C-alpha atoms as a PDB file:
ATOM      1  CA  MET A   1      -0.015  -0.045   0.212  1.00  0.00           C
ATOM      2  CA  SER A   2       2.689   2.357   0.877  1.00  0.00           C
ATOM      3  CA  SER A   3       4.470   2.119  -2.627  1.00  0.00           C
ATOM      4  CA  ARG A   4       0.943   2.933  -4.199  1.00  0.00           C
ATOM      5  CA  ARG A   5       0.741   6.163  -2.022  1.00  0.00           C
ATOM      6  CA  GLY A   6       4.395   6.899  -2.927  1.00  0.00           C
ATOM      7  CA  ARG A   7       3.715   6.752  -6.655  1.00  0.00           C
ATOM      8  CA  ALA A   8       0.602   8.530  -6.312  1.00  0.00           C
ATOM      9  CA  GLY A   9       2.663  11.409  -4.488  1.00  0.00           C
ATOM     10  CA  GLN A  10       5.271  11.357  -7.214  1.00  0.00           C
ATOM     11  CA  ARG A  11       2.795  11.896  -9.722  1.00  0.00           C
ATOM     12  CA  GLY A  12       1.381  14.645  -7.912  1.00  0.00           C
ATOM     13  CA  SER A  13       4.514  16.511  -7.625  1.00  0.00           C
ATOM     14  CA  GLN A  14       5.238  16.007 -11.164  1.00  0.00           C
ATOM     15  CA  THR A  15       1.945  17.889 -11.975  1.00  0.00           C
ATOM     16  CA  VAL A  16       2.767  20.821  -9.675  1.00  0.00           C
ATOM     17  CA  GLU A  17       6.113  21.048 -11.416  1.00  0.00           C
ATOM     18  CA  LEU A  18       4.534  21.225 -14.963  1.00  0.00           C
ATOM     19  CA  VAL A  19       2.103  23.925 -13.671  1.00  0.00           C
ATOM     20  CA  ALA A  20       4.810  25.874 -12.232  1.00  0.00           C
ATOM     21  CA  ALA A  21       6.972  25.790 -15.647  1.00  0.00           C
ATOM     22  CA  LEU A  22       3.657  26.695 -17.756  1.00  0.00           C
ATOM     23  CA  PRO A  23       4.199  30.529 -17.341  1.00  0.00           C
ATOM     24  CA  LEU A  24       7.686  30.272 -18.013  1.00  0.00           C
ATOM     25  CA  ALA A  25       7.194  28.434 -21.352  1.00  0.00           C
ATOM     26  CA  GLY A  26       4.344  30.981 -22.061  1.00  0.00           C
ATOM     27  CA  MET A  27       6.974  33.606 -21.799  1.00  0.00           C
ATOM     28  CA  VAL A  28       9.549  32.063 -23.973  1.00  0.00           C
ATOM     29  CA  LEU A  29       6.701  31.575 -26.541  1.00  0.00           C
ATOM     30  CA  LEU A  30       5.860  35.298 -26.354  1.00  0.00           C
ATOM     31  CA  LEU A  31       9.426  36.389 -26.525  1.00  0.00           C
ATOM     32  CA  ALA A  32       9.964  34.093 -29.838  1.00  0.00           C
ATOM     33  CA  TRP A  33       6.991  35.793 -31.336  1.00  0.00           C
ATOM     34  CA  GLN A  34       8.259  39.098 -30.570  1.00  0.00           C
ATOM     35  CA  CYS A  35      11.360  38.482 -32.433  1.00  0.00           C
ATOM     36  CA  ILE A  36       9.599  37.047 -35.238  1.00  0.00           C
ATOM     37  CA  VAL A  37       7.175  40.424 -35.553  1.00  0.00           C
ATOM     38  CA  LEU A  38      10.221  42.349 -35.357  1.00  0.00           C
ATOM     39  CA  ALA A  39      12.340  40.457 -38.084  1.00  0.00           C
ATOM     40  CA  ARG A  40       9.202  40.917 -40.250  1.00  0.00           C
ATOM     41  CA  GLN A  41       9.168  44.691 -39.653  1.00  0.00           C
ATOM     42  CA  GLN A  42      12.789  45.131 -40.442  1.00  0.00           C
ATOM     43  CA  ILE A  43      12.151  43.155 -43.778  1.00  0.00           C
ATOM     44  CA  GLU A  44       9.225  45.730 -44.346  1.00  0.00           C
ATOM     45  CA  ALA A  45      11.729  48.719 -43.493  1.00  0.00           C
ATOM     46  CA  GLN A  46      14.308  47.338 -46.149  1.00  0.00           C
ATOM     47  CA  ALA A  47      11.821  47.041 -48.861  1.00  0.00           C
ATOM     48  CA  ASP A  48      10.319  50.269 -48.256  1.00  0.00           C
ATOM     49  CA  ALA A  49      13.583  51.790 -48.144  1.00  0.00           C
ATOM     50  CA  ARG A  50      14.411  50.136 -51.549  1.00  0.00           C
ATOM     51  CA  GLU A  51      11.177  51.256 -53.296  1.00  0.00           C
ATOM     52  CA  LEU A  52      11.424  54.944 -52.035  1.00  0.00           C
ATOM     53  CA  ALA A  53      15.068  55.041 -53.328  1.00  0.00           C
ATOM     54  CA  ARG A  54      14.396  53.658 -56.686  1.00  0.00           C
ATOM     55  CA  LYS A  55      11.329  56.342 -57.044  1.00  0.00           C
ATOM     56  CA  ALA A  56      13.814  59.269 -55.628  1.00  0.00           C
ATOM     57  CA  VAL A  57      16.642  58.283 -57.946  1.00  0.00           C
ATOM     58  CA  LEU A  58      14.635  58.359 -61.185  1.00  0.00           C
ATOM     59  CA  CYS A  59      14.316  62.015 -61.804  1.00  0.00           C
ATOM     60  CA  ALA A  60      13.884  64.672 -59.264  1.00  0.00           C
ATOM     61  CA  ARG A  61      12.220  66.954 -61.662  1.00  0.00           C
ATOM     62  CA  ALA A  62      10.024  64.499 -63.190  1.00  0.00           C
ATOM     63  CA  VAL A  63       7.801  63.618 -60.164  1.00  0.00           C
ATOM     64  CA  PRO A  64       7.577  64.905 -56.710  1.00  0.00           C
ATOM     65  CA  ARG A  65       9.550  63.579 -53.823  1.00  0.00           C
ATOM     66  CA  PRO A  66       8.130  60.297 -52.802  1.00  0.00           C
ATOM     67  CA  ALA A  67       6.911  59.595 -49.259  1.00  0.00           C
ATOM     68  CA  LEU A  68       6.679  56.651 -47.131  1.00  0.00           C
ATOM     69  CA  ALA A  69       3.022  56.757 -47.114  1.00  0.00           C
ATOM     70  CA  ASP A  70       3.040  56.280 -50.816  1.00  0.00           C
ATOM     71  CA  VAL A  71       5.074  53.230 -50.458  1.00  0.00           C
ATOM     72  CA  ASP A  72       3.534  51.760 -47.415  1.00  0.00           C
ATOM     73  CA  GLY A  73       0.845  52.712 -44.846  1.00  0.00           C
ATOM     74  CA  ALA A  74       3.128  51.584 -41.965  1.00  0.00           C
ATOM     75  CA  ALA A  75       3.760  53.937 -39.089  1.00  0.00           C
ATOM     76  CA  GLY A  76       6.999  55.271 -39.499  1.00  0.00           C
ATOM     77  CA  THR A  77       9.223  57.826 -40.871  1.00  0.00           C
ATOM     78  CA  ALA A  78      11.279  58.232 -43.949  1.00  0.00           C
ATOM     79  CA  LEU A  79      14.369  60.744 -44.472  1.00  0.00           C
ATOM     80  CA  ILE A  80      15.325  61.387 -47.935  1.00  0.00           C
ATOM     81  CA  GLY A  81      18.415  63.216 -48.916  1.00  0.00           C
ATOM     82  CA  ALA A  82      21.863  63.405 -50.729  1.00  0.00           C
ATOM     83  CA  GLN A  83      24.664  61.347 -49.573  1.00  0.00           C
ATOM     84  CA  PRO A  84      27.197  63.543 -47.872  1.00  0.00           C
ATOM     85  CA  GLY A  85      29.981  64.370 -50.286  1.00  0.00           C
ATOM     86  CA  HIS A  86      28.023  62.860 -53.241  1.00  0.00           C
ATOM     87  CA  ALA A  87      25.936  65.080 -55.070  1.00  0.00           C
ATOM     88  CA  ASP A  88      24.723  62.100 -57.444  1.00  0.00           C
ATOM     89  CA  MET A  89      23.839  59.823 -54.647  1.00  0.00           C
ATOM     90  CA  VAL A  90      20.600  59.557 -52.658  1.00  0.00           C
ATOM     91  CA  ARG A  91      20.287  58.070 -49.291  1.00  0.00           C
ATOM     92  CA  VAL A  92      17.022  57.018 -47.896  1.00  0.00           C
ATOM     93  CA  GLU A  93      16.658  55.986 -44.099  1.00  0.00           C
ATOM     94  CA  VAL A  94      13.253  54.192 -42.931  1.00  0.00           C
ATOM     95  CA  ARG A  95      12.402  53.979 -39.437  1.00  0.00           C
ATOM     96  CA  LEU A  96       9.539  52.039 -38.390  1.00  0.00           C
ATOM     97  CA  ALA A  97       7.579  52.156 -35.219  1.00  0.00           C
ATOM     98  CA  PRO A  98       7.950  48.611 -33.807  1.00  0.00           C
ATOM     99  CA  THR A  99       5.090  46.490 -32.664  1.00  0.00           C
ATOM    100  CA  ALA A 100       5.402  45.147 -28.981  1.00  0.00           C
ATOM    101  CA  VAL A 101       3.881  41.609 -28.666  1.00  0.00           C
ATOM    102  CA  LEU A 102       5.173  41.375 -24.814  1.00  0.00           C
ATOM    103  CA  PRO A 103       2.739  42.800 -22.239  1.00  0.00           C
ATOM    104  CA  GLY A 104       3.962  45.962 -20.514  1.00  0.00           C
ATOM    105  CA  VAL A 105       7.020  46.286 -22.983  1.00  0.00           C
ATOM    106  CA  ASP A 106       6.946  49.736 -24.639  1.00  0.00           C
ATOM    107  CA  LEU A 107       9.246  49.463 -27.812  1.00  0.00           C
ATOM    108  CA  GLY A 108       9.674  53.315 -28.733  1.00  0.00           C
ATOM    109  CA  ALA A 109      10.841  54.302 -32.339  1.00  0.00           C
ATOM    110  CA  SER A 110      14.239  55.276 -30.820  1.00  0.00           C
ATOM    111  CA  SER A 111      14.600  51.999 -29.347  1.00  0.00           C
ATOM    112  CA  PRO A 112      17.788  49.986 -30.450  1.00  0.00           C
ATOM    113  CA  VAL A 113      15.381  47.003 -31.442  1.00  0.00           C
ATOM    114  CA  ALA A 114      13.226  49.335 -33.839  1.00  0.00           C
ATOM    115  CA  PRO A 115      13.173  48.275 -37.472  1.00  0.00           C
ATOM    116  CA  ARG A 116      15.555  50.594 -39.564  1.00  0.00           C
ATOM    117  CA  ALA A 117      17.089  50.460 -42.803  1.00  0.00           C
ATOM    118  CA  VAL A 118      19.239  52.644 -44.771  1.00  0.00           C
ATOM    119  CA  VAL A 119      19.655  52.452 -48.791  1.00  0.00           C
ATOM    120  CA  VAL A 120      22.015  54.274 -51.015  1.00  0.00           C
ATOM    121  CA  MET A 121      21.628  54.831 -54.746  1.00  0.00           C
ATOM    122  CA  ARG A 122      23.032  56.594 -57.478  1.00  0.00           C
ATOM    123  CA  ARG A 123      20.717  59.213 -59.125  1.00  0.00           C
ATOM    124  CA  GLU A 124      19.687  58.787 -62.840  1.00  0.00           C
ATOM    125  CA  PRO A 125      20.405  61.518 -65.129  1.00  0.00           C
ATOM    126  CA  CYS A 126      17.178  63.356 -66.465  1.00  0.00           C
END
């Protein structure tokens, strides 16, 4: 009889250990999800920067200066300007506002993990 009680007690303690580990497993899952979301936004920032650079280098006189809203409706900023020291080069920097998945975590646009991309292209002659 005592051996049955011992096994039942072991099963009960294993259940308690499993229940205690569930919040940790949930946090690990949320952290992995946050990394995936930030990686997706980084890819989006790179694509937006490439597209804005393509539009900016075609001919500055032919079309108005492109904006981030023309390429993507994402909340963020785009800086388009000349490359310092090179008038024929266009530099585009896109910063997107990161999406926070983790509860209680505020990822501001100035955060080091905020999606950011810089593209430099040569301006086409008009």
